[in-house]
Amino acid sequence: MKERVLKGPGFRSSTSTSDWPTSFWHNESSADRFIDLLTHHFRLLGDAPYAGPRRDELRPAYRSFPVGEYLILYRVAEPGVCIMHVVPGRRNLEALVGH
């Protein structure tokens, strides 16, 4: 079976650890739960790639999906999704994607 969730080329650089809550530095189980939550949502999006609204104002074909205070920015990619960024929702998204 083909993988339904891919990481975009800028994924690693856009998920700087400075964006993670400071509690993750002191509570490994909290960080693990958050990573598990993200992974769960990645899989959900892989199965339902059109679940998030289009965000063409950021980049053509981008979509977003909230996870707590964070947003998953992704593109539909057959047969699922390509995760482009995971960012705090309060972050300036236009600056992140180069607008």
C-alpha atoms as a PDB file:
ATOM      1  CA  MET A   1       0.000   0.000   0.000  1.00  0.00           C
ATOM      2  CA  LYS A   2       1.321   3.438  -0.934  1.00  0.00           C
ATOM      3  CA  GLU A   3       2.053   5.903   1.873  1.00  0.00           C
ATOM      4  CA  ARG A   4      -0.793   8.420   2.341  1.00  0.00           C
ATOM      5  CA  VAL A   5       1.223  11.028   4.257  1.00  0.00           C
ATOM      6  CA  LEU A   6       4.410  12.557   2.859  1.00  0.00           C
ATOM      7  CA  LYS A   7       6.612  15.311   4.278  1.00  0.00           C
ATOM      8  CA  GLY A   8       7.166  18.346   2.082  1.00  0.00           C
ATOM      9  CA  PRO A   9      10.689  19.570   1.289  1.00  0.00           C
ATOM     10  CA  GLY A  10      10.537  22.396   3.865  1.00  0.00           C
ATOM     11  CA  PHE A  11       8.915  20.341   6.605  1.00  0.00           C
ATOM     12  CA  ARG A  12      11.948  19.932   8.870  1.00  0.00           C
ATOM     13  CA  SER A  13      13.046  23.566   8.688  1.00  0.00           C
ATOM     14  CA  SER A  14       9.543  24.891   9.336  1.00  0.00           C
ATOM     15  CA  THR A  15       9.045  22.873  12.487  1.00  0.00           C
ATOM     16  CA  SER A  16      11.783  24.477  14.555  1.00  0.00           C
ATOM     17  CA  THR A  17      11.870  23.325  18.154  1.00  0.00           C
ATOM     18  CA  SER A  18      11.653  26.990  19.181  1.00  0.00           C
ATOM     19  CA  ASP A  19       7.997  26.820  18.083  1.00  0.00           C
ATOM     20  CA  TRP A  20       7.189  23.994  20.506  1.00  0.00           C
ATOM     21  CA  PRO A  21       5.788  24.786  23.962  1.00  0.00           C
ATOM     22  CA  THR A  22       8.495  25.181  26.606  1.00  0.00           C
ATOM     23  CA  SER A  23       6.748  22.467  28.642  1.00  0.00           C
ATOM     24  CA  PHE A  24       8.035  19.938  26.086  1.00  0.00           C
ATOM     25  CA  TRP A  25      11.600  20.653  27.179  1.00  0.00           C
ATOM     26  CA  HIS A  26      10.741  19.634  30.739  1.00  0.00           C
ATOM     27  CA  ASN A  27       8.086  16.973  30.219  1.00  0.00           C
ATOM     28  CA  GLU A  28       8.924  14.218  27.768  1.00  0.00           C
ATOM     29  CA  SER A  29       5.540  12.519  28.139  1.00  0.00           C
ATOM     30  CA  SER A  30       3.782  15.787  27.198  1.00  0.00           C
ATOM     31  CA  ALA A  31       5.941  16.065  24.083  1.00  0.00           C
ATOM     32  CA  ASP A  32       5.263  12.419  23.204  1.00  0.00           C
ATOM     33  CA  ARG A  33       1.501  12.946  23.519  1.00  0.00           C
ATOM     34  CA  PHE A  34       1.663  15.956  21.217  1.00  0.00           C
ATOM     35  CA  ILE A  35       3.701  14.058  18.607  1.00  0.00           C
ATOM     36  CA  ASP A  36       1.188  11.186  18.841  1.00  0.00           C
ATOM     37  CA  LEU A  37      -1.664  13.673  18.373  1.00  0.00           C
ATOM     38  CA  LEU A  38       0.012  15.169  15.288  1.00  0.00           C
ATOM     39  CA  THR A  39       0.685  11.712  13.849  1.00  0.00           C
ATOM     40  CA  HIS A  40      -2.960  10.778  14.414  1.00  0.00           C
ATOM     41  CA  HIS A  41      -4.095  13.893  12.530  1.00  0.00           C
ATOM     42  CA  PHE A  42      -1.595  13.277   9.731  1.00  0.00           C
ATOM     43  CA  ARG A  43      -3.195   9.864   9.222  1.00  0.00           C
ATOM     44  CA  LEU A  44      -6.711  11.319   9.354  1.00  0.00           C
ATOM     45  CA  LEU A  45      -5.763  13.840   6.684  1.00  0.00           C
ATOM     46  CA  GLY A  46      -4.196  11.073   4.614  1.00  0.00           C
ATOM     47  CA  ASP A  47      -7.553   9.302   4.620  1.00  0.00           C
ATOM     48  CA  ALA A  48      -9.614  12.499   4.140  1.00  0.00           C
ATOM     49  CA  PRO A  49      -7.344  14.959   2.306  1.00  0.00           C
ATOM     50  CA  TYR A  50     -10.063  17.521   1.640  1.00  0.00           C
ATOM     51  CA  ALA A  51     -10.977  17.902   5.340  1.00  0.00           C
ATOM     52  CA  GLY A  52      -9.169  21.225   5.731  1.00  0.00           C
ATOM     53  CA  PRO A  53     -10.104  24.447   3.938  1.00  0.00           C
ATOM     54  CA  ARG A  54      -8.046  25.731   1.018  1.00  0.00           C
ATOM     55  CA  ARG A  55      -5.510  28.404   1.918  1.00  0.00           C
ATOM     56  CA  ASP A  56      -4.622  29.795  -1.495  1.00  0.00           C
ATOM     57  CA  GLU A  57      -3.803  33.138   0.140  1.00  0.00           C
ATOM     58  CA  LEU A  58      -0.708  31.408   1.571  1.00  0.00           C
ATOM     59  CA  ARG A  59       0.326  29.328  -1.442  1.00  0.00           C
ATOM     60  CA  PRO A  60      -1.609  27.729  -4.294  1.00  0.00           C
ATOM     61  CA  ALA A  61      -3.284  24.471  -3.246  1.00  0.00           C
ATOM     62  CA  TYR A  62      -2.339  24.787   0.446  1.00  0.00           C
ATOM     63  CA  ARG A  63      -4.876  23.572   2.986  1.00  0.00           C
ATOM     64  CA  SER A  64      -4.875  23.882   6.770  1.00  0.00           C
ATOM     65  CA  PHE A  65      -6.144  21.789   9.636  1.00  0.00           C
ATOM     66  CA  PRO A  66      -6.089  22.830  13.316  1.00  0.00           C
ATOM     67  CA  VAL A  67      -4.624  20.689  16.073  1.00  0.00           C
ATOM     68  CA  GLY A  68      -5.000  22.515  19.357  1.00  0.00           C
ATOM     69  CA  GLU A  69      -3.092  25.810  19.058  1.00  0.00           C
ATOM     70  CA  TYR A  70      -1.230  24.580  15.958  1.00  0.00           C
ATOM     71  CA  LEU A  71      -2.010  24.389  12.256  1.00  0.00           C
ATOM     72  CA  ILE A  72      -1.027  21.647   9.884  1.00  0.00           C
ATOM     73  CA  LEU A  73      -0.399  23.184   6.458  1.00  0.00           C
ATOM     74  CA  TYR A  74      -0.547  20.602   3.702  1.00  0.00           C
ATOM     75  CA  ARG A  75      -1.281  19.884   0.056  1.00  0.00           C
ATOM     76  CA  VAL A  76      -3.360  17.103  -1.419  1.00  0.00           C
ATOM     77  CA  ALA A  77      -1.008  14.569  -3.032  1.00  0.00           C
ATOM     78  CA  GLU A  78      -2.321  11.335  -4.470  1.00  0.00           C
ATOM     79  CA  PRO A  79      -3.132   9.115  -2.761  1.00  0.00           C
ATOM     80  CA  GLY A  80      -3.211  11.329   0.370  1.00  0.00           C
ATOM     81  CA  VAL A  81      -1.441  14.471   1.593  1.00  0.00           C
ATOM     82  CA  CYS A  82       1.972  16.117   1.712  1.00  0.00           C
ATOM     83  CA  ILE A  83       2.599  17.866   5.045  1.00  0.00           C
ATOM     84  CA  MET A  84       4.318  21.167   4.359  1.00  0.00           C
ATOM     85  CA  HIS A  85       4.434  22.822   7.811  1.00  0.00           C
ATOM     86  CA  VAL A  86       3.216  22.478  11.390  1.00  0.00           C
ATOM     87  CA  VAL A  87       3.127  25.914  12.987  1.00  0.00           C
ATOM     88  CA  PRO A  88       1.623  27.740  15.953  1.00  0.00           C
ATOM     89  CA  GLY A  89      -1.686  29.246  14.860  1.00  0.00           C
ATOM     90  CA  ARG A  90      -0.628  32.635  16.200  1.00  0.00           C
ATOM     91  CA  ARG A  91       2.385  32.766  13.863  1.00  0.00           C
ATOM     92  CA  ASN A  92       2.430  35.102  10.857  1.00  0.00           C
ATOM     93  CA  LEU A  93       1.637  32.515   8.199  1.00  0.00           C
ATOM     94  CA  GLU A  94       2.244  34.827   5.253  1.00  0.00           C
ATOM     95  CA  ALA A  95       5.795  35.479   6.474  1.00  0.00           C
ATOM     96  CA  LEU A  96       6.377  31.752   6.959  1.00  0.00           C
ATOM     97  CA  VAL A  97       5.515  30.812   3.391  1.00  0.00           C
ATOM     98  CA  GLY A  98       7.217  33.794   1.817  1.00  0.00           C
ATOM     99  CA  HIS A  99       4.426  36.319   1.221  1.00  0.00           C
END
